[in-house]
Amino acid sequence: MKSATTLSALLLLATPLALAAQGAPAGTPPPKLEDVAAAVAANTAAINLVWTLLAGFLVMFMQAGFALVETGFTRKKNAAHTMTMNFMVYGVAMLAYWAVGFALQAGGVGALTTLGGYDKLASEFVISIAGKDFGLFGHTGFFLTGVAYSAPVFAYFLFQMVFMDTAATIPTGALAERWKFSNFVIFSVCVGAFIYPIFANWVWGGGWLSTLGKNFGLGHGHVDFAGSSVVHMTGGVMALVTCKLLGPRRGKYNRDGSANAIPGHNVPMALLGTFILAFGWFGFNAGSTLAGADSRIGVIATNTMLAGAAGSISAMIFLYLTSGKPDPAMLANGALAGLVAITAPCAFVTAPSAVLIGLIAGVFVCLAVPFIDQKIRLDDPVGAISVHGVNGLWGILALGLFADGTYGAGTNGVDGNVRGLFYGDGGQFIAEVIGGLTNIVAVGLMTVLAWKLSSLLTHGARVSAVVEENGLDIPEMGALAYPQDASFPHYSPEESGAPFKAA
């Protein structure tokens, strides 16, 4: 706001000179201050609109990163299947979100002030308990109707859609190598239509978690700047629940319960995907200002980069100390863990805090992967539960601890900047804990419901044992990722289905 006022004053001073330079008649009166202010506001909104769209494009490219990471961490006989799930979740979940999800999430978001002030998204379903209002879901904007040709709403939809798609693609890695493609399609519709949007509404759409501050004095309510809980923890909880429901891959566990390693087929592919994700994360976090005119984007982007680097470093040191070798897959997961963890607090913390958050995240993921794999015996081929679930939770807790009170004035309708426990506001930390627990319970229950529905419609969620043994590419997709690889049998169109019939 300060920068916009300064710009207005400069424009006002410069206008007479500009008029003279353009040959304006002598004595032409300068424009009125309100006209200059309106022009500056329009220009600022245009800058913010372009910034938000550009950031959304960066986040969309993260889908390529996820596809490469997940495919690289799985076996070559399933590469086409894994890559195709990552490709199609974009279209499937997007259309479900366009039809239903966006209205449930953002129907009550209110005026989009940074993008021009369009306020037609102002219909939240609210219940009142003991004189307190609790927003549950929006109900404006289904199929983007009623908001036609509104650039602010369309830009906001695009930006929020790619966030939803990030959450939707997380289970594709956790369930890789045994998930029936038809079931994946139905489940992804559920993610885009209601699982992601409902929780997102509670945090970002004016829902009840965002009003914990106004209603109960808990800081600024549940704050999640760019999605540690809304995006990553949601994806991680979905991965956790569905991994349990689907079961492990064949050969993953022995009779005595011990786990067998099932290495991926292309580590360079996975590391390249990690680089792409790290690049897209700048749009993910800095873009969440929805304002290119907000100079805080420089802080946010740098904190994001620092935390990702710190996560890879602490993972490397941990691996050297425990196994003597820096496993490349775990280094990638360490970097991603740092990025996930900084996503919520990136705008509210100092650079040293960002590094500390990333360092802790890198250790957390190194501890969580073997615990989930060997202790509770959930088969997660890419470590999605550890990266996104565990460190999504750590990200919101870190905000509740390290937010230093230099940013976020007026967030969720509460005066003052956002402060964490270490800076004098224990209520903020409590609000973050409540948000995390709510995510586990609500997203977990919605995931079970979606899983039951999709399994009913597709007669089960898992491919047959024979299909899993031979690879999912031919029977599920009709094409091999590596057709010239001699390790795969080659079938004619007439016989391609025969070897994969269930025993």
Protein backbone atom coordinates (compact mmCIF):
# COMPACT_ATOMS: atom_id res chain seq x y z
CA MET A 1 0.00 0.00 0.00
CA LYS A 2 2.87 2.32 0.83
CA SER A 3 4.49 1.67 -2.54
CA ALA A 4 1.22 2.35 -4.35
CA THR A 5 0.84 5.71 -2.54
CA THR A 6 4.40 6.67 -3.42
CA LEU A 7 3.77 5.74 -7.03
CA SER A 8 0.64 7.88 -7.07
CA ALA A 9 2.56 10.91 -5.83
CA LEU A 10 5.30 10.43 -8.41
CA LEU A 11 2.76 10.13 -11.21
CA LEU A 12 1.02 13.26 -10.03
CA LEU A 13 4.27 15.20 -10.06
CA ALA A 14 5.32 13.80 -13.42
CA THR A 15 2.03 14.38 -15.23
CA PRO A 16 2.53 18.09 -16.08
CA LEU A 17 5.95 17.30 -17.53
CA ALA A 18 4.51 14.44 -19.54
CA LEU A 19 1.74 16.66 -20.91
CA ALA A 20 4.25 19.30 -21.91
CA ALA A 21 6.43 16.72 -23.61
CA GLN A 22 3.44 15.49 -25.61
CA GLY A 23 2.62 18.98 -26.79
CA ALA A 24 -0.36 19.55 -24.54
CA PRO A 25 -1.71 23.11 -24.65
CA ALA A 26 -0.11 25.45 -22.17
CA GLY A 27 -2.15 25.91 -19.07
CA THR A 28 -3.73 22.45 -19.23
CA PRO A 29 -4.75 21.68 -15.63
CA PRO A 30 -3.12 18.66 -14.01
CA PRO A 31 -5.33 15.62 -13.49
CA LYS A 32 -7.17 15.28 -10.24
CA LEU A 33 -5.59 13.20 -7.52
CA GLU A 34 -8.48 10.75 -7.53
CA ASP A 35 -8.04 10.17 -11.28
CA VAL A 36 -4.35 9.47 -10.81
CA ALA A 37 -5.11 7.15 -7.89
CA ALA A 38 -7.66 5.26 -9.98
CA ALA A 39 -5.16 4.86 -12.82
CA VAL A 40 -2.49 3.62 -10.41
CA ALA A 41 -4.94 1.16 -8.83
CA ALA A 42 -5.90 -0.20 -12.24
CA ASN A 43 -2.27 -0.54 -13.24
CA THR A 44 -1.40 -2.29 -9.96
CA ALA A 45 -4.30 -4.72 -10.42
CA ALA A 46 -3.05 -5.48 -13.94
CA ILE A 47 0.46 -6.17 -12.62
CA ASN A 48 -0.98 -8.45 -9.95
CA LEU A 49 -3.10 -10.25 -12.51
CA VAL A 50 -0.12 -10.96 -14.76
CA TRP A 51 1.98 -12.06 -11.77
CA THR A 52 -0.72 -14.46 -10.56
CA LEU A 53 -1.11 -16.01 -14.00
CA LEU A 54 2.64 -16.35 -14.47
CA ALA A 55 2.95 -18.02 -11.07
CA GLY A 56 0.11 -20.37 -12.01
CA PHE A 57 1.96 -21.33 -15.18
CA LEU A 58 5.03 -22.18 -13.09
CA VAL A 59 2.97 -24.36 -10.77
CA MET A 60 1.40 -26.11 -13.76
CA PHE A 61 4.91 -27.06 -14.92
CA MET A 62 5.42 -28.78 -11.56
CA GLN A 63 3.19 -31.52 -12.95
CA ALA A 64 6.08 -32.49 -15.23
CA GLY A 65 8.34 -32.62 -12.19
CA PHE A 66 5.99 -34.93 -10.33
CA ALA A 67 5.67 -37.16 -13.39
CA LEU A 68 9.44 -37.53 -13.71
CA VAL A 69 10.03 -38.09 -9.99
CA GLU A 70 7.33 -40.72 -9.62
CA THR A 71 8.16 -42.53 -12.85
CA GLY A 72 11.87 -42.56 -12.07
CA PHE A 73 11.22 -44.05 -8.64
CA THR A 74 9.15 -46.92 -10.06
CA ARG A 75 10.10 -49.90 -12.23
CA LYS A 76 10.33 -49.69 -16.00
CA LYS A 77 7.57 -52.24 -16.54
CA ASN A 78 5.14 -49.71 -15.03
CA ALA A 79 6.66 -46.49 -16.41
CA ALA A 80 3.96 -45.74 -18.99
CA HIS A 81 1.23 -46.33 -16.41
CA THR A 82 2.83 -44.09 -13.78
CA MET A 83 3.58 -41.32 -16.28
CA THR A 84 0.05 -41.46 -17.69
CA MET A 85 -1.54 -41.11 -14.26
CA ASN A 86 0.50 -37.97 -13.73
CA PHE A 87 -0.52 -36.72 -17.17
CA MET A 88 -4.23 -37.42 -16.88
CA VAL A 89 -4.75 -36.27 -13.30
CA TYR A 90 -4.29 -32.77 -14.69
CA GLY A 91 -7.28 -32.99 -17.00
CA VAL A 92 -9.51 -35.26 -14.90
CA ALA A 93 -9.20 -33.42 -11.60
CA MET A 94 -9.23 -30.03 -13.33
CA LEU A 95 -12.63 -30.55 -14.94
CA ALA A 96 -14.07 -31.86 -11.66
CA TYR A 97 -12.70 -28.77 -9.94
CA TRP A 98 -14.11 -26.50 -12.66
CA ALA A 99 -17.56 -28.10 -12.41
CA VAL A 100 -17.88 -28.38 -8.63
CA GLY A 101 -14.72 -27.94 -6.60
CA PHE A 102 -13.93 -24.29 -7.26
CA ALA A 103 -17.38 -23.17 -6.11
CA LEU A 104 -17.10 -25.24 -2.93
CA GLN A 105 -13.67 -23.81 -2.20
CA ALA A 106 -13.88 -20.20 -3.31
CA GLY A 107 -17.60 -19.46 -3.44
CA GLY A 108 -17.26 -17.50 -0.22
CA VAL A 109 -13.80 -16.02 -0.69
CA GLY A 110 -15.10 -12.46 -0.99
CA ALA A 111 -13.57 -9.56 -2.87
CA LEU A 112 -10.36 -10.35 -4.75
CA THR A 113 -8.88 -6.98 -3.87
CA THR A 114 -5.36 -7.47 -5.26
CA LEU A 115 -6.78 -8.62 -8.60
CA GLY A 116 -9.26 -5.78 -9.03
CA GLY A 117 -11.86 -6.17 -6.33
CA TYR A 118 -14.40 -8.44 -8.01
CA ASP A 119 -16.70 -9.58 -5.21
CA LYS A 120 -19.18 -12.03 -6.74
CA LEU A 121 -17.59 -14.95 -4.85
CA ALA A 122 -19.43 -14.10 -1.65
CA SER A 123 -21.76 -16.99 -0.85
CA GLU A 124 -20.52 -19.18 1.98
CA PHE A 125 -22.72 -21.79 3.65
CA VAL A 126 -22.45 -20.90 7.34
CA ILE A 127 -23.80 -22.45 10.51
CA SER A 128 -24.01 -20.55 13.79
CA ILE A 129 -23.16 -22.19 17.09
CA ALA A 130 -23.27 -20.25 20.35
CA GLY A 131 -23.27 -17.01 18.42
CA LYS A 132 -20.19 -17.95 16.36
CA ASP A 133 -20.31 -18.38 12.59
CA PHE A 134 -18.61 -21.43 11.06
CA GLY A 135 -18.19 -21.44 7.29
CA LEU A 136 -18.34 -24.90 5.71
CA PHE A 137 -18.30 -24.44 1.93
CA GLY A 138 -19.00 -21.95 -0.81
CA HIS A 139 -21.82 -22.20 -3.33
CA THR A 140 -21.09 -19.68 -6.06
CA GLY A 141 -19.27 -20.29 -9.33
CA PHE A 142 -20.15 -23.85 -10.36
CA PHE A 143 -18.86 -24.41 -13.92
CA LEU A 144 -17.53 -20.82 -13.61
CA THR A 145 -21.06 -19.60 -14.29
CA GLY A 146 -22.20 -16.25 -12.96
CA VAL A 147 -18.65 -14.96 -13.21
CA ALA A 148 -18.26 -15.05 -16.98
CA TYR A 149 -15.44 -12.94 -18.43
CA SER A 150 -14.35 -11.76 -15.00
CA ALA A 151 -10.57 -11.72 -15.32
CA PRO A 152 -9.90 -11.66 -11.55
CA VAL A 153 -12.04 -14.75 -10.92
CA PHE A 154 -10.68 -16.63 -13.92
CA ALA A 155 -7.10 -15.87 -12.91
CA TYR A 156 -7.82 -16.93 -9.35
CA PHE A 157 -9.42 -20.14 -10.65
CA LEU A 158 -6.36 -20.98 -12.74
CA PHE A 159 -4.01 -20.36 -9.82
CA GLN A 160 -6.09 -22.38 -7.37
CA MET A 161 -6.69 -25.17 -9.88
CA VAL A 162 -3.00 -25.94 -10.27
CA PHE A 163 -2.68 -26.04 -6.48
CA MET A 164 -5.49 -28.58 -6.34
CA ASP A 165 -3.79 -30.60 -9.05
CA THR A 166 -0.60 -30.72 -7.00
CA ALA A 167 -2.50 -32.36 -4.15
CA ALA A 168 -4.30 -34.70 -6.54
CA THR A 169 -1.09 -36.06 -8.03
CA ILE A 170 0.49 -37.02 -4.70
CA PRO A 171 -1.43 -40.33 -4.34
CA THR A 172 -0.38 -41.40 -7.84
CA GLY A 173 3.14 -41.90 -6.55
CA ALA A 174 2.15 -43.58 -3.31
CA LEU A 175 -0.12 -46.07 -5.12
CA ALA A 176 2.08 -46.63 -8.16
CA GLU A 177 2.63 -50.10 -9.65
CA ARG A 178 -0.64 -51.66 -8.48
CA TRP A 179 -3.44 -49.08 -8.89
CA LYS A 180 -6.11 -49.79 -11.48
CA PHE A 181 -6.25 -46.89 -13.95
CA SER A 182 -10.05 -46.74 -14.05
CA ASN A 183 -10.14 -46.46 -10.27
CA PHE A 184 -7.52 -43.72 -10.38
CA VAL A 185 -9.79 -41.72 -12.73
CA ILE A 186 -12.86 -41.92 -10.47
CA PHE A 187 -10.86 -41.19 -7.33
CA SER A 188 -9.23 -38.15 -8.97
CA VAL A 189 -12.67 -36.78 -9.82
CA CYS A 190 -13.50 -36.99 -6.11
CA VAL A 191 -10.29 -35.17 -5.20
CA GLY A 192 -11.03 -32.29 -7.53
CA ALA A 193 -14.73 -32.15 -6.75
CA PHE A 194 -14.82 -32.28 -2.95
CA ILE A 195 -11.84 -33.68 -0.98
CA TYR A 196 -9.40 -30.86 -1.73
CA PRO A 197 -11.95 -28.01 -2.08
CA ILE A 198 -13.67 -28.57 1.26
CA PHE A 199 -10.52 -28.32 3.35
CA ALA A 200 -9.20 -25.50 1.16
CA ASN A 201 -12.39 -23.57 1.85
CA TRP A 202 -11.93 -23.92 5.58
CA VAL A 203 -8.47 -22.33 5.33
CA TRP A 204 -8.53 -20.06 2.26
CA GLY A 205 -12.19 -19.58 1.41
CA GLY A 206 -13.51 -17.95 4.56
CA GLY A 207 -14.24 -21.26 6.29
CA TRP A 208 -14.18 -22.01 9.98
CA LEU A 209 -10.46 -22.74 10.42
CA SER A 210 -9.60 -19.27 9.13
CA THR A 211 -11.94 -17.70 11.70
CA LEU A 212 -10.39 -19.33 14.78
CA GLY A 213 -8.72 -15.98 15.42
CA LYS A 214 -11.85 -13.86 15.18
CA ASN A 215 -14.04 -16.36 17.01
CA PHE A 216 -11.73 -17.64 19.72
CA GLY A 217 -8.71 -15.33 19.82
CA LEU A 218 -6.31 -17.95 18.46
CA GLY A 219 -3.86 -15.72 16.64
CA HIS A 220 -5.00 -15.07 13.06
CA GLY A 221 -6.78 -18.40 12.84
CA HIS A 222 -5.26 -21.28 10.94
CA VAL A 223 -2.78 -19.61 8.58
CA ASP A 224 -1.17 -21.46 5.69
CA PHE A 225 0.40 -19.02 3.28
CA ALA A 226 0.91 -21.31 0.28
CA GLY A 227 -0.32 -24.77 1.18
CA SER A 228 1.74 -26.92 3.56
CA SER A 229 -1.55 -28.18 4.98
CA VAL A 230 -4.05 -27.30 2.25
CA VAL A 231 -2.03 -28.87 -0.57
CA HIS A 232 0.74 -31.09 0.74
CA MET A 233 -0.72 -32.46 3.93
CA THR A 234 -4.00 -33.11 2.11
CA GLY A 235 -2.10 -35.10 -0.51
CA GLY A 236 -0.09 -36.88 2.17
CA VAL A 237 -3.14 -37.90 4.17
CA MET A 238 -4.83 -39.17 1.01
CA ALA A 239 -1.68 -41.17 0.26
CA LEU A 240 -1.56 -42.57 3.80
CA VAL A 241 -5.17 -43.73 3.80
CA THR A 242 -5.16 -45.16 0.30
CA CYS A 243 -1.83 -46.96 0.81
CA LYS A 244 -3.42 -48.74 3.75
CA LEU A 245 -6.57 -49.58 1.77
CA LEU A 246 -4.79 -50.73 -1.39
CA GLY A 247 -2.05 -52.75 0.29
CA PRO A 248 1.63 -53.19 -0.58
CA ARG A 249 3.12 -54.29 -3.88
CA ARG A 250 3.71 -57.98 -4.39
CA GLY A 251 7.07 -58.97 -2.99
CA LYS A 252 7.46 -55.86 -0.83
CA TYR A 253 7.17 -57.68 2.51
CA ASN A 254 8.33 -61.10 3.62
CA ARG A 255 6.38 -63.48 5.81
CA ASP A 256 8.28 -62.28 8.87
CA GLY A 257 7.21 -58.70 8.12
CA SER A 258 10.62 -57.51 6.93
CA ALA A 259 10.65 -55.16 3.96
CA ASN A 260 12.40 -55.64 0.64
CA ALA A 261 13.77 -52.71 -1.33
CA ILE A 262 12.19 -52.26 -4.77
CA PRO A 263 14.46 -49.75 -6.53
CA GLY A 264 13.20 -47.38 -9.16
CA HIS A 265 14.48 -47.70 -12.70
CA ASN A 266 15.80 -44.19 -13.45
CA VAL A 267 17.42 -42.08 -10.73
CA PRO A 268 18.51 -39.26 -13.14
CA MET A 269 14.90 -38.91 -14.25
CA ALA A 270 13.79 -38.53 -10.64
CA LEU A 271 16.47 -35.96 -9.86
CA LEU A 272 15.60 -33.95 -12.96
CA GLY A 273 11.98 -33.99 -11.81
CA THR A 274 13.10 -32.67 -8.43
CA PHE A 275 14.85 -29.72 -10.11
CA ILE A 276 11.68 -28.95 -12.06
CA LEU A 277 9.61 -29.06 -8.87
CA ALA A 278 12.04 -26.73 -7.10
CA PHE A 279 11.78 -24.29 -10.00
CA GLY A 280 7.99 -24.39 -10.02
CA TRP A 281 7.92 -23.85 -6.26
CA PHE A 282 8.85 -20.20 -6.76
CA GLY A 283 5.45 -19.75 -8.38
CA PHE A 284 3.82 -21.87 -5.72
CA ASN A 285 5.03 -19.77 -2.80
CA ALA A 286 5.77 -16.29 -4.10
CA GLY A 287 2.68 -16.41 -6.32
CA SER A 288 0.48 -16.87 -3.26
CA THR A 289 0.74 -13.15 -2.58
CA LEU A 290 -1.58 -12.76 -5.61
CA ALA A 291 0.28 -9.48 -5.95
CA GLY A 292 3.33 -8.77 -8.06
CA ALA A 293 3.35 -5.30 -6.46
CA ASP A 294 4.00 -6.87 -3.04
CA SER A 295 7.75 -6.59 -2.46
CA ARG A 296 7.55 -9.50 0.00
CA ILE A 297 7.81 -11.84 -2.99
CA GLY A 298 11.59 -11.39 -2.85
CA VAL A 299 11.68 -12.65 0.74
CA ILE A 300 9.31 -15.51 -0.02
CA ALA A 301 11.27 -16.74 -3.04
CA THR A 302 14.58 -16.63 -1.21
CA ASN A 303 13.21 -18.40 1.87
CA THR A 304 11.82 -21.07 -0.44
CA MET A 305 15.19 -21.63 -2.10
CA LEU A 306 17.05 -21.71 1.22
CA ALA A 307 14.73 -24.25 2.84
CA GLY A 308 14.92 -26.61 -0.13
CA ALA A 309 18.70 -26.47 -0.14
CA ALA A 310 18.83 -26.97 3.63
CA GLY A 311 16.59 -30.04 3.37
CA SER A 312 18.93 -31.69 0.90
CA ILE A 313 21.98 -30.86 3.05
CA SER A 314 20.56 -32.23 6.31
CA ALA A 315 19.38 -35.37 4.50
CA MET A 316 22.87 -35.83 3.07
CA ILE A 317 24.54 -35.44 6.47
CA PHE A 318 22.02 -37.76 8.12
CA LEU A 319 22.62 -40.43 5.48
CA TYR A 320 26.40 -40.15 5.80
CA LEU A 321 26.14 -40.59 9.55
CA THR A 322 23.70 -43.51 9.45
CA SER A 323 24.64 -45.47 6.32
CA GLY A 324 27.82 -43.93 4.99
CA LYS A 325 26.31 -43.25 1.56
CA PRO A 326 24.22 -40.30 0.30
CA ASP A 327 21.35 -42.13 -1.42
CA PRO A 328 20.28 -39.88 -4.36
CA ALA A 329 16.59 -40.71 -3.89
CA MET A 330 16.67 -39.57 -0.29
CA LEU A 331 18.58 -36.42 -1.19
CA ALA A 332 15.77 -35.56 -3.60
CA ASN A 333 13.20 -36.26 -0.91
CA GLY A 334 15.17 -34.12 1.52
CA ALA A 335 15.04 -31.15 -0.83
CA LEU A 336 11.33 -31.67 -1.45
CA ALA A 337 10.70 -32.00 2.29
CA GLY A 338 12.34 -28.63 2.88
CA LEU A 339 10.22 -27.07 0.15
CA VAL A 340 7.02 -28.57 1.55
CA ALA A 341 7.82 -27.38 5.06
CA ILE A 342 8.58 -23.77 4.07
CA THR A 343 5.40 -23.49 1.99
CA ALA A 344 3.22 -22.39 4.91
CA PRO A 345 5.61 -20.03 6.76
CA CYS A 346 7.62 -18.67 3.80
CA ALA A 347 6.20 -15.13 4.05
CA PHE A 348 6.42 -14.83 7.81
CA VAL A 349 9.91 -16.01 8.80
CA THR A 350 13.50 -14.80 8.63
CA ALA A 351 16.13 -16.42 6.42
CA PRO A 352 17.80 -18.23 9.37
CA SER A 353 14.42 -19.61 10.39
CA ALA A 354 13.82 -20.79 6.81
CA VAL A 355 17.13 -22.65 6.84
CA LEU A 356 16.34 -24.21 10.22
CA ILE A 357 12.90 -25.29 9.02
CA GLY A 358 14.48 -26.91 5.97
CA LEU A 359 17.20 -28.63 8.00
CA ILE A 360 14.64 -30.18 10.33
CA ALA A 361 12.48 -31.24 7.38
CA GLY A 362 15.41 -33.08 5.77
CA VAL A 363 15.94 -35.11 8.94
CA PHE A 364 12.22 -35.73 9.39
CA VAL A 365 11.90 -37.28 5.94
CA CYS A 366 14.92 -39.53 6.54
CA LEU A 367 13.31 -40.77 9.76
CA ALA A 368 9.78 -41.03 8.36
CA VAL A 369 10.55 -43.07 5.23
CA PRO A 370 11.97 -46.15 7.04
CA PHE A 371 9.40 -45.83 9.83
CA ILE A 372 6.49 -45.90 7.39
CA ASP A 373 8.12 -48.56 5.22
CA GLN A 374 9.35 -50.93 7.92
CA LYS A 375 7.48 -50.21 11.16
CA ILE A 376 3.92 -49.59 10.06
CA ARG A 377 4.50 -51.39 6.74
CA LEU A 378 2.87 -49.02 4.30
CA ASP A 379 4.32 -49.43 0.83
CA ASP A 380 4.91 -45.94 -0.56
CA PRO A 381 7.20 -46.24 -3.61
CA VAL A 382 8.11 -42.55 -3.76
CA GLY A 383 7.96 -41.49 -0.11
CA ALA A 384 4.92 -39.27 -0.66
CA ILE A 385 3.55 -39.73 2.85
CA SER A 386 6.87 -38.72 4.40
CA VAL A 387 7.59 -35.80 2.08
CA HIS A 388 4.14 -34.27 1.84
CA GLY A 389 2.24 -35.57 4.87
CA VAL A 390 4.85 -35.44 7.61
CA ASN A 391 6.51 -32.26 6.39
CA GLY A 392 3.23 -30.61 5.48
CA LEU A 393 2.35 -30.93 9.16
CA TRP A 394 5.79 -29.65 10.15
CA GLY A 395 5.31 -26.64 7.87
CA ILE A 396 2.19 -25.34 9.62
CA LEU A 397 3.67 -26.03 13.05
CA ALA A 398 6.79 -24.13 12.00
CA LEU A 399 4.62 -21.14 11.09
CA GLY A 400 3.04 -21.32 14.54
CA LEU A 401 6.50 -21.25 16.07
CA PHE A 402 8.64 -18.94 13.91
CA ALA A 403 6.33 -16.28 12.40
CA ASP A 404 8.07 -13.09 13.54
CA GLY A 405 5.33 -10.46 13.34
CA THR A 406 6.68 -8.50 10.36
CA TYR A 407 4.03 -9.47 7.79
CA GLY A 408 0.41 -10.48 7.42
CA ALA A 409 -1.48 -7.50 8.83
CA GLY A 410 -5.20 -8.13 8.69
CA THR A 411 -4.86 -11.80 7.73
CA ASN A 412 -8.20 -13.56 8.25
CA GLY A 413 -9.69 -10.31 9.56
CA VAL A 414 -7.42 -10.03 12.61
CA ASP A 415 -5.49 -6.81 13.29
CA GLY A 416 -1.72 -6.86 13.47
CA ASN A 417 0.88 -9.07 11.86
CA VAL A 418 1.15 -12.84 12.23
CA ARG A 419 3.24 -13.94 15.23
CA GLY A 420 4.18 -17.43 16.31
CA LEU A 421 4.80 -18.90 19.74
CA PHE A 422 8.44 -17.82 19.85
CA TYR A 423 7.37 -14.23 19.14
CA GLY A 424 4.65 -13.95 21.73
CA ASP A 425 1.48 -15.54 20.35
CA GLY A 426 0.86 -19.07 21.58
CA GLY A 427 -2.67 -18.91 20.18
CA GLN A 428 -1.27 -18.97 16.66
CA PHE A 429 0.50 -22.25 17.37
CA ILE A 430 -2.72 -23.74 18.78
CA ALA A 431 -4.59 -22.70 15.63
CA GLU A 432 -1.98 -24.47 13.51
CA VAL A 433 -2.30 -27.63 15.60
CA ILE A 434 -6.08 -27.56 15.23
CA GLY A 435 -5.73 -27.16 11.47
CA GLY A 436 -3.36 -30.12 11.24
CA LEU A 437 -5.57 -32.41 13.32
CA THR A 438 -8.61 -31.35 11.31
CA ASN A 439 -6.81 -32.21 8.07
CA ILE A 440 -5.96 -35.72 9.30
CA VAL A 441 -9.53 -36.43 10.38
CA ALA A 442 -11.56 -34.66 7.68
CA VAL A 443 -9.39 -35.46 4.67
CA GLY A 444 -8.95 -39.02 5.96
CA LEU A 445 -12.71 -39.57 6.21
CA MET A 446 -13.42 -37.99 2.82
CA THR A 447 -10.69 -40.17 1.30
CA VAL A 448 -12.28 -43.34 2.66
CA LEU A 449 -15.64 -42.26 1.22
CA ALA A 450 -14.12 -41.51 -2.19
CA TRP A 451 -12.21 -44.80 -2.15
CA LYS A 452 -15.34 -46.82 -1.38
CA LEU A 453 -17.23 -45.07 -4.16
CA SER A 454 -14.51 -45.47 -6.77
CA SER A 455 -13.93 -49.12 -5.82
CA LEU A 456 -17.64 -49.83 -6.13
CA LEU A 457 -17.83 -48.27 -9.59
CA THR A 458 -14.69 -50.01 -10.89
CA HIS A 459 -15.12 -53.38 -9.14
CA GLY A 460 -12.01 -52.96 -7.05
CA ALA A 461 -9.05 -50.63 -7.00
CA ARG A 462 -6.22 -53.06 -7.61
CA VAL A 463 -5.00 -54.84 -10.71
CA SER A 464 -4.80 -58.63 -10.70
CA ALA A 465 -1.74 -60.43 -9.39
CA VAL A 466 -0.75 -61.51 -12.90
CA VAL A 467 -0.97 -57.96 -14.23
CA GLU A 468 1.13 -56.69 -11.36
CA GLU A 469 3.78 -59.36 -11.94
CA ASN A 470 4.08 -58.70 -15.67
CA GLY A 471 3.76 -54.93 -15.49
CA LEU A 472 0.83 -52.56 -15.87
CA ASP A 473 1.89 -50.89 -19.10
CA ILE A 474 0.41 -53.32 -21.65
CA PRO A 475 -2.75 -54.49 -19.86
CA GLU A 476 -3.69 -51.11 -18.40
CA MET A 477 -2.34 -48.67 -21.00
CA GLY A 478 -1.88 -50.75 -24.16
CA ALA A 479 1.66 -49.49 -24.66
CA LEU A 480 5.09 -49.96 -23.17
CA ALA A 481 7.17 -47.02 -22.03
CA TYR A 482 10.26 -48.75 -23.47
CA PRO A 483 9.04 -50.91 -26.38
CA GLN A 484 12.54 -51.74 -27.60
CA ASP A 485 13.69 -53.06 -24.24
CA ALA A 486 14.58 -56.72 -24.65
CA SER A 487 13.58 -57.48 -21.07
CA PHE A 488 9.92 -57.10 -22.04
CA PRO A 489 8.03 -59.72 -24.04
CA HIS A 490 6.55 -58.42 -27.29
CA TYR A 491 2.97 -59.36 -28.02
CA SER A 492 0.90 -59.07 -31.14
CA PRO A 493 -2.37 -57.14 -30.81
CA GLU A 494 -4.25 -60.45 -30.79
CA GLU A 495 -2.33 -61.97 -27.91
CA SER A 496 -1.40 -58.90 -25.86
CA GLY A 497 -4.16 -59.49 -23.33
CA ALA A 498 -3.79 -63.22 -22.89
CA PRO A 499 -0.85 -63.38 -20.46
CA PHE A 500 -2.52 -60.89 -18.14
CA LYS A 501 -5.80 -62.61 -17.41
CA ALA A 502 -6.36 -63.08 -13.71
CA ALA A 503 -5.48 -66.51 -12.41
